Amino acid sequence: MKQLGRHMRNIYLMWGSFLLLWILPVLAATASAQDTSTPEERAQWVEATHKLESAPLDDSVNKQGEAAFKRLSDVHDVHVLLCPALLTEFNGMKYAYSHTITRQYMLASGAFQIENPDKAADTKATALAGVESVLKTYQAILQQKPDAKAKAIDDLLKKKSQGKLKDSVQKQCQ
């Protein structure tokens, strides 16, 4: 009887090992595929980013933005260049829409790199595109919520109107 028990245990171990050796590579390939974005996903991220520039307070557009933001953070084939000084500034604002602004900066930087693969390594161009998108988003917020002002972004708008935005961003992101 003891031998039968050992024999059954060996069969279970053999089948368990076989299944693990067969299933693990399949699971690993699936996980690896999910860590890489598709061209369709990248197009959706760019589209969501541009929609957020004109409708940042729209719930359905916001959901698209959050999904794009999460997925962009998860994939390993798109490396978004961010200017630490700007990211810290946007993320540290005491502003009701700071998450919206920070997310927009990050999404717009990624969108710029996707739309301009030849400039994907240009940190300053990426940062400028991100800030310009943030300014559009901020102005769209102000259209719906005129009292939702943020001094740091108002300062950037002023620099843009004076033609000094590019120099200011490049100086911040050296």
C-alpha atoms as a PDB file:
ATOM      1  CA  MET A   1       0.000   0.000   0.000  1.00  0.00           C
ATOM      2  CA  LYS A   2       2.872   2.363   0.843  1.00  0.00           C
ATOM      3  CA  GLN A   3       4.384   1.766  -2.583  1.00  0.00           C
ATOM      4  CA  LEU A   4       1.107   2.608  -4.282  1.00  0.00           C
ATOM      5  CA  GLY A   5       0.987   5.892  -2.341  1.00  0.00           C
ATOM      6  CA  ARG A   6       4.554   6.768  -3.390  1.00  0.00           C
ATOM      7  CA  HIS A   7       3.798   5.793  -6.963  1.00  0.00           C
ATOM      8  CA  MET A   8       0.714   8.073  -7.035  1.00  0.00           C
ATOM      9  CA  ARG A   9       2.692  10.924  -5.466  1.00  0.00           C
ATOM     10  CA  ASN A  10       5.395  10.528  -8.125  1.00  0.00           C
ATOM     11  CA  ILE A  11       2.763  10.626 -10.862  1.00  0.00           C
ATOM     12  CA  TYR A  12       1.270  13.817  -9.381  1.00  0.00           C
ATOM     13  CA  LEU A  13       4.723  15.398  -9.142  1.00  0.00           C
ATOM     14  CA  MET A  14       5.550  14.407 -12.703  1.00  0.00           C
ATOM     15  CA  TRP A  15       2.276  15.849 -14.066  1.00  0.00           C
ATOM     16  CA  GLY A  16       2.616  18.957 -11.914  1.00  0.00           C
ATOM     17  CA  SER A  17       6.152  19.529 -13.178  1.00  0.00           C
ATOM     18  CA  PHE A  18       5.061  18.946 -16.759  1.00  0.00           C
ATOM     19  CA  LEU A  19       2.206  21.424 -16.452  1.00  0.00           C
ATOM     20  CA  LEU A  20       4.440  24.049 -14.846  1.00  0.00           C
ATOM     21  CA  LEU A  21       7.070  23.658 -17.545  1.00  0.00           C
ATOM     22  CA  TRP A  22       4.400  23.969 -20.205  1.00  0.00           C
ATOM     23  CA  ILE A  23       2.331  26.787 -18.647  1.00  0.00           C
ATOM     24  CA  LEU A  24       5.080  29.070 -17.324  1.00  0.00           C
ATOM     25  CA  PRO A  25       6.518  29.975 -20.754  1.00  0.00           C
ATOM     26  CA  VAL A  26       2.999  30.742 -21.999  1.00  0.00           C
ATOM     27  CA  LEU A  27       2.305  32.961 -18.976  1.00  0.00           C
ATOM     28  CA  ALA A  28       5.682  34.684 -19.326  1.00  0.00           C
ATOM     29  CA  ALA A  29       5.038  35.402 -23.009  1.00  0.00           C
ATOM     30  CA  THR A  30       1.615  36.818 -22.172  1.00  0.00           C
ATOM     31  CA  ALA A  31       3.021  39.055 -19.424  1.00  0.00           C
ATOM     32  CA  SER A  32       5.829  40.205 -21.716  1.00  0.00           C
ATOM     33  CA  ALA A  33       3.374  41.054 -24.485  1.00  0.00           C
ATOM     34  CA  GLN A  34       1.343  43.154 -22.064  1.00  0.00           C
ATOM     35  CA  ASP A  35       4.445  45.150 -21.124  1.00  0.00           C
ATOM     36  CA  THR A  36       4.792  46.320 -24.731  1.00  0.00           C
ATOM     37  CA  SER A  37       2.429  48.854 -26.242  1.00  0.00           C
ATOM     38  CA  THR A  38       0.707  48.406 -29.579  1.00  0.00           C
ATOM     39  CA  PRO A  39       0.533  51.042 -32.304  1.00  0.00           C
ATOM     40  CA  GLU A  40      -3.222  51.248 -31.636  1.00  0.00           C
ATOM     41  CA  GLU A  41      -2.632  51.962 -27.935  1.00  0.00           C
ATOM     42  CA  ARG A  42      -0.098  54.674 -28.723  1.00  0.00           C
ATOM     43  CA  ALA A  43      -2.582  56.277 -31.117  1.00  0.00           C
ATOM     44  CA  GLN A  44      -5.257  56.154 -28.384  1.00  0.00           C
ATOM     45  CA  TRP A  45      -2.874  57.816 -25.896  1.00  0.00           C
ATOM     46  CA  VAL A  46      -2.140  60.630 -28.334  1.00  0.00           C
ATOM     47  CA  GLU A  47      -5.850  61.060 -29.056  1.00  0.00           C
ATOM     48  CA  ALA A  48      -6.772  61.116 -25.356  1.00  0.00           C
ATOM     49  CA  THR A  49      -4.006  63.641 -24.669  1.00  0.00           C
ATOM     50  CA  HIS A  50      -5.326  66.024 -27.311  1.00  0.00           C
ATOM     51  CA  LYS A  51      -8.927  65.584 -26.133  1.00  0.00           C
ATOM     52  CA  LEU A  52      -7.848  66.502 -22.595  1.00  0.00           C
ATOM     53  CA  GLU A  53      -6.417  69.782 -23.884  1.00  0.00           C
ATOM     54  CA  SER A  54      -9.906  70.981 -24.738  1.00  0.00           C
ATOM     55  CA  ALA A  55     -12.070  69.005 -22.292  1.00  0.00           C
ATOM     56  CA  PRO A  56     -10.047  68.281 -19.156  1.00  0.00           C
ATOM     57  CA  LEU A  57     -13.105  68.278 -16.896  1.00  0.00           C
ATOM     58  CA  ASP A  58     -15.196  65.910 -19.028  1.00  0.00           C
ATOM     59  CA  ASP A  59     -15.672  62.626 -17.144  1.00  0.00           C
ATOM     60  CA  SER A  60     -15.412  60.295 -20.138  1.00  0.00           C
ATOM     61  CA  VAL A  61     -12.339  62.078 -21.489  1.00  0.00           C
ATOM     62  CA  ASN A  62     -10.830  62.000 -17.999  1.00  0.00           C
ATOM     63  CA  LYS A  63     -11.366  58.235 -17.834  1.00  0.00           C
ATOM     64  CA  GLN A  64      -9.567  57.873 -21.169  1.00  0.00           C
ATOM     65  CA  GLY A  65      -6.753  60.020 -19.817  1.00  0.00           C
ATOM     66  CA  GLU A  66      -6.439  57.957 -16.646  1.00  0.00           C
ATOM     67  CA  ALA A  67      -6.402  54.711 -18.636  1.00  0.00           C
ATOM     68  CA  ALA A  68      -3.755  56.105 -20.992  1.00  0.00           C
ATOM     69  CA  PHE A  69      -1.703  57.386 -18.062  1.00  0.00           C
ATOM     70  CA  LYS A  70      -1.806  54.024 -16.272  1.00  0.00           C
ATOM     71  CA  ARG A  71      -0.958  52.027 -19.357  1.00  0.00           C
ATOM     72  CA  LEU A  72       1.812  54.425 -20.413  1.00  0.00           C
ATOM     73  CA  SER A  73       3.296  53.986 -16.937  1.00  0.00           C
ATOM     74  CA  ASP A  74       3.101  50.182 -17.235  1.00  0.00           C
ATOM     75  CA  VAL A  75       4.696  49.589 -20.626  1.00  0.00           C
ATOM     76  CA  HIS A  76       8.409  49.204 -21.068  1.00  0.00           C
ATOM     77  CA  ASP A  77       8.791  50.180 -24.702  1.00  0.00           C
ATOM     78  CA  VAL A  78       7.898  53.875 -24.335  1.00  0.00           C
ATOM     79  CA  HIS A  79      10.262  55.842 -22.110  1.00  0.00           C
ATOM     80  CA  VAL A  80       8.822  59.288 -21.539  1.00  0.00           C
ATOM     81  CA  LEU A  81      11.430  61.959 -20.934  1.00  0.00           C
ATOM     82  CA  LEU A  82      10.326  64.321 -18.195  1.00  0.00           C
ATOM     83  CA  CYS A  83      11.956  67.467 -16.887  1.00  0.00           C
ATOM     84  CA  PRO A  84      12.328  66.927 -13.116  1.00  0.00           C
ATOM     85  CA  ALA A  85      11.984  70.640 -12.337  1.00  0.00           C
ATOM     86  CA  LEU A  86       8.668  70.924 -14.211  1.00  0.00           C
ATOM     87  CA  LEU A  87       7.336  67.647 -12.866  1.00  0.00           C
ATOM     88  CA  THR A  88       8.124  68.775  -9.315  1.00  0.00           C
ATOM     89  CA  GLU A  89       6.552  72.174  -9.932  1.00  0.00           C
ATOM     90  CA  PHE A  90       3.312  70.769 -11.356  1.00  0.00           C
ATOM     91  CA  ASN A  91       3.069  67.921  -8.873  1.00  0.00           C
ATOM     92  CA  GLY A  92       3.735  70.181  -5.891  1.00  0.00           C
ATOM     93  CA  MET A  93       1.154  72.850  -6.683  1.00  0.00           C
ATOM     94  CA  LYS A  94      -1.536  73.571  -4.122  1.00  0.00           C
ATOM     95  CA  TYR A  95      -4.195  73.549  -6.801  1.00  0.00           C
ATOM     96  CA  ALA A  96      -7.496  71.712  -7.130  1.00  0.00           C
ATOM     97  CA  TYR A  97      -6.493  70.429 -10.570  1.00  0.00           C
ATOM     98  CA  SER A  98      -2.831  69.646  -9.897  1.00  0.00           C
ATOM     99  CA  HIS A  99      -3.327  65.957 -10.772  1.00  0.00           C
ATOM    100  CA  THR A 100      -4.971  66.958 -14.056  1.00  0.00           C
ATOM    101  CA  ILE A 101      -2.079  69.301 -14.862  1.00  0.00           C
ATOM    102  CA  THR A 102       0.641  66.831 -13.844  1.00  0.00           C
ATOM    103  CA  ARG A 103      -1.005  63.994 -15.751  1.00  0.00           C
ATOM    104  CA  GLN A 104      -1.343  66.243 -18.797  1.00  0.00           C
ATOM    105  CA  TYR A 105       2.326  67.173 -18.665  1.00  0.00           C
ATOM    106  CA  MET A 106       3.303  63.505 -18.560  1.00  0.00           C
ATOM    107  CA  LEU A 107       0.826  62.384 -21.241  1.00  0.00           C
ATOM    108  CA  ALA A 108       1.705  65.280 -23.546  1.00  0.00           C
ATOM    109  CA  SER A 109       5.408  64.528 -23.196  1.00  0.00           C
ATOM    110  CA  GLY A 110       4.704  60.929 -24.176  1.00  0.00           C
ATOM    111  CA  ALA A 111       2.431  61.996 -27.026  1.00  0.00           C
ATOM    112  CA  PHE A 112       5.126  64.330 -28.362  1.00  0.00           C
ATOM    113  CA  GLN A 113       7.652  61.507 -28.381  1.00  0.00           C
ATOM    114  CA  ILE A 114       5.185  59.164 -30.102  1.00  0.00           C
ATOM    115  CA  GLU A 115       4.255  61.775 -32.727  1.00  0.00           C
ATOM    116  CA  ASN A 116       7.883  62.873 -33.228  1.00  0.00           C
ATOM    117  CA  PRO A 117      10.063  59.772 -32.990  1.00  0.00           C
ATOM    118  CA  ASP A 118      12.993  61.697 -34.488  1.00  0.00           C
ATOM    119  CA  LYS A 119      12.862  64.049 -31.455  1.00  0.00           C
ATOM    120  CA  ALA A 120      12.145  61.374 -28.825  1.00  0.00           C
ATOM    121  CA  ALA A 121      15.553  61.931 -27.183  1.00  0.00           C
ATOM    122  CA  ASP A 122      15.220  65.743 -27.127  1.00  0.00           C
ATOM    123  CA  THR A 123      14.373  66.504 -23.497  1.00  0.00           C
ATOM    124  CA  LYS A 124      13.920  70.238 -24.076  1.00  0.00           C
ATOM    125  CA  ALA A 125      11.580  69.844 -27.068  1.00  0.00           C
ATOM    126  CA  THR A 126       9.606  67.213 -25.160  1.00  0.00           C
ATOM    127  CA  ALA A 127       9.332  69.489 -22.110  1.00  0.00           C
ATOM    128  CA  LEU A 128       8.196  72.446 -24.221  1.00  0.00           C
ATOM    129  CA  ALA A 129       5.510  70.330 -25.907  1.00  0.00           C
ATOM    130  CA  GLY A 130       4.371  69.126 -22.481  1.00  0.00           C
ATOM    131  CA  VAL A 131       4.145  72.677 -21.115  1.00  0.00           C
ATOM    132  CA  GLU A 132       2.271  73.941 -24.179  1.00  0.00           C
ATOM    133  CA  SER A 133      -0.253  71.139 -23.697  1.00  0.00           C
ATOM    134  CA  VAL A 134      -0.556  72.007 -20.002  1.00  0.00           C
ATOM    135  CA  LEU A 135      -1.302  75.619 -20.946  1.00  0.00           C
ATOM    136  CA  LYS A 136      -4.090  74.528 -23.305  1.00  0.00           C
ATOM    137  CA  THR A 137      -5.493  72.280 -20.599  1.00  0.00           C
ATOM    138  CA  TYR A 138      -5.298  75.057 -18.010  1.00  0.00           C
ATOM    139  CA  GLN A 139      -7.084  77.499 -20.304  1.00  0.00           C
ATOM    140  CA  ALA A 140      -9.823  74.916 -20.911  1.00  0.00           C
ATOM    141  CA  ILE A 141     -10.209  74.505 -17.134  1.00  0.00           C
ATOM    142  CA  LEU A 142     -10.498  78.282 -16.744  1.00  0.00           C
ATOM    143  CA  GLN A 143     -13.249  78.416 -19.375  1.00  0.00           C
ATOM    144  CA  GLN A 144     -15.401  76.219 -17.149  1.00  0.00           C
ATOM    145  CA  LYS A 145     -14.023  77.295 -13.768  1.00  0.00           C
ATOM    146  CA  PRO A 146     -12.827  80.923 -14.074  1.00  0.00           C
ATOM    147  CA  ASP A 147     -11.725  81.030 -10.431  1.00  0.00           C
ATOM    148  CA  ALA A 148      -9.528  77.909 -10.741  1.00  0.00           C
ATOM    149  CA  LYS A 149      -6.287  79.840 -11.088  1.00  0.00           C
ATOM    150  CA  ALA A 150      -2.750  78.662 -10.383  1.00  0.00           C
ATOM    151  CA  LYS A 151       0.010  81.251 -10.117  1.00  0.00           C
ATOM    152  CA  ALA A 152       2.722  78.969 -11.503  1.00  0.00           C
ATOM    153  CA  ILE A 153       0.716  78.289 -14.653  1.00  0.00           C
ATOM    154  CA  ASP A 154      -0.355  81.931 -14.956  1.00  0.00           C
ATOM    155  CA  ASP A 155       3.363  82.784 -14.927  1.00  0.00           C
ATOM    156  CA  LEU A 156       3.950  80.318 -17.765  1.00  0.00           C
ATOM    157  CA  LEU A 157       1.078  81.860 -19.739  1.00  0.00           C
ATOM    158  CA  LYS A 158       2.627  85.285 -19.245  1.00  0.00           C
ATOM    159  CA  LYS A 159       5.988  84.020 -20.495  1.00  0.00           C
ATOM    160  CA  LYS A 160       4.278  82.522 -23.526  1.00  0.00           C
ATOM    161  CA  SER A 161       2.542  85.822 -24.339  1.00  0.00           C
ATOM    162  CA  GLN A 162       5.928  87.565 -24.057  1.00  0.00           C
ATOM    163  CA  GLY A 163       7.584  85.013 -26.359  1.00  0.00           C
ATOM    164  CA  LYS A 164       9.800  83.774 -23.522  1.00  0.00           C
ATOM    165  CA  LEU A 165       8.279  80.354 -22.846  1.00  0.00           C
ATOM    166  CA  LYS A 166      10.790  78.319 -24.856  1.00  0.00           C
ATOM    167  CA  ASP A 167      13.790  79.971 -23.182  1.00  0.00           C
ATOM    168  CA  SER A 168      12.220  79.613 -19.746  1.00  0.00           C
ATOM    169  CA  VAL A 169      11.479  75.901 -20.221  1.00  0.00           C
ATOM    170  CA  GLN A 170      14.918  75.220 -21.635  1.00  0.00           C
ATOM    171  CA  LYS A 171      16.533  77.005 -18.694  1.00  0.00           C
ATOM    172  CA  GLN A 172      14.450  74.989 -16.188  1.00  0.00           C
ATOM    173  CA  CYS A 173      15.235  71.710 -17.922  1.00  0.00           C
ATOM    174  CA  GLN A 174      18.996  71.930 -18.381  1.00  0.00           C
END
